[in-house]
Amino acid sequence: MISRVVHVAVRIRSELDDLEGLLCRIQEGFKKAKQSGDLFYLDGVALNLHGIYSGLERIFELIVINIDGTKPSGENWHKELLNQGKSDK
């Protein structure tokens, strides 16, 4: 059990490191967009924002798979993933 938790923690740490890199790229791209007025920099910012969303989603997937033992599926799996940890109160 502990080795599985350590493995999940390592994978989450790796995802967080990747997210940090994306955040730096977003900040730099936004800065360049403001300086130059070039909208292509904003395209890069948008792409990297999507990367952050995807990275967070991967982290949530890791957590629910290893805690609940199941991952949502179907058409609304993204929404179900976010709601999976909520209490039914």
Protein backbone atom coordinates (compact mmCIF):
# COMPACT_ATOMS: atom_id res chain seq x y z
CA MET A 1 0.00 0.00 0.00
CA ILE A 2 2.74 2.49 0.94
CA SER A 3 4.65 1.85 -2.28
CA ARG A 4 1.49 2.62 -4.28
CA VAL A 5 0.99 5.86 -2.35
CA VAL A 6 4.63 6.81 -2.95
CA HIS A 7 4.26 6.02 -6.66
CA VAL A 8 1.13 8.22 -6.90
CA ALA A 9 2.88 11.01 -4.98
CA VAL A 10 5.85 10.87 -7.36
CA ARG A 11 3.55 11.04 -10.38
CA ILE A 12 1.64 13.96 -8.89
CA ARG A 13 4.90 15.77 -8.14
CA SER A 14 5.96 15.25 -11.74
CA GLU A 15 2.67 16.67 -13.01
CA LEU A 16 3.05 19.67 -10.70
CA ASP A 17 6.55 20.30 -12.04
CA ASP A 18 5.15 20.23 -15.58
CA LEU A 19 2.39 22.64 -14.55
CA GLU A 20 4.96 25.01 -13.12
CA GLY A 21 6.79 25.02 -16.46
CA LEU A 22 3.54 25.74 -18.28
CA LEU A 23 2.79 28.60 -15.92
CA CYS A 24 6.18 30.17 -16.71
CA ARG A 25 5.44 29.84 -20.44
CA ILE A 26 2.05 31.47 -19.96
CA GLN A 27 3.54 34.38 -18.06
CA GLU A 28 6.27 34.90 -20.66
CA GLY A 29 3.84 34.60 -23.58
CA PHE A 30 1.41 37.05 -22.03
CA LYS A 31 4.24 39.50 -21.36
CA LYS A 32 5.39 39.27 -24.98
CA ALA A 33 1.82 39.64 -26.25
CA LYS A 34 1.41 42.85 -24.25
CA GLN A 35 4.77 44.21 -25.40
CA SER A 36 4.41 43.39 -29.09
CA GLY A 37 0.65 43.38 -29.59
CA ASP A 38 1.15 40.12 -31.53
CA LEU A 39 -1.90 37.91 -31.03
CA PHE A 40 0.08 34.79 -31.90
CA TYR A 41 1.61 34.97 -28.42
CA LEU A 42 -1.91 34.81 -27.00
CA ASP A 43 -2.49 31.65 -29.03
CA GLY A 44 0.46 30.12 -27.17
CA VAL A 45 -0.93 31.34 -23.86
CA ALA A 46 -4.29 29.71 -24.63
CA LEU A 47 -2.60 26.44 -25.61
CA ASN A 48 -0.60 26.40 -22.39
CA LEU A 49 -3.71 27.19 -20.32
CA HIS A 50 -5.28 24.12 -21.87
CA GLY A 51 -2.15 22.19 -20.87
CA ILE A 52 -2.65 23.29 -17.27
CA TYR A 53 -6.26 22.13 -17.32
CA SER A 54 -5.20 18.77 -18.78
CA GLY A 55 -2.46 18.38 -16.18
CA LEU A 56 -4.86 19.08 -13.32
CA GLU A 57 -7.28 16.60 -14.82
CA ARG A 58 -4.53 13.94 -14.88
CA ILE A 59 -3.81 14.63 -11.21
CA PHE A 60 -7.50 14.27 -10.34
CA GLU A 61 -7.64 11.01 -12.32
CA LEU A 62 -4.65 9.63 -10.40
CA ILE A 63 -6.31 10.49 -7.13
CA VAL A 64 -9.75 9.04 -7.87
CA ILE A 65 -8.36 5.87 -9.41
CA ASN A 66 -6.15 5.25 -6.39
CA ILE A 67 -8.69 6.25 -3.74
CA ASP A 68 -12.02 5.18 -5.23
CA GLY A 69 -10.59 2.50 -7.50
CA THR A 70 -12.59 3.77 -10.44
CA LYS A 71 -12.52 6.51 -13.04
CA PRO A 72 -15.66 8.06 -14.49
CA SER A 73 -16.48 7.25 -18.09
CA GLY A 74 -19.02 8.26 -20.64
CA GLU A 75 -20.00 11.52 -22.23
CA ASN A 76 -19.79 13.63 -19.05
CA TRP A 77 -16.73 12.01 -17.49
CA HIS A 78 -14.94 15.36 -17.06
CA LYS A 79 -17.78 16.75 -14.96
CA GLU A 80 -18.17 13.47 -13.06
CA LEU A 81 -14.44 13.48 -12.29
CA LEU A 82 -14.75 16.89 -10.64
CA ASN A 83 -17.86 15.83 -8.72
CA GLN A 84 -16.57 12.41 -7.67
CA GLY A 85 -14.94 13.67 -4.50
CA LYS A 86 -17.90 15.73 -3.35
CA SER A 87 -19.97 14.62 -0.40
CA ASP A 88 -23.54 13.48 -1.05
CA LYS A 89 -24.87 15.58 1.85
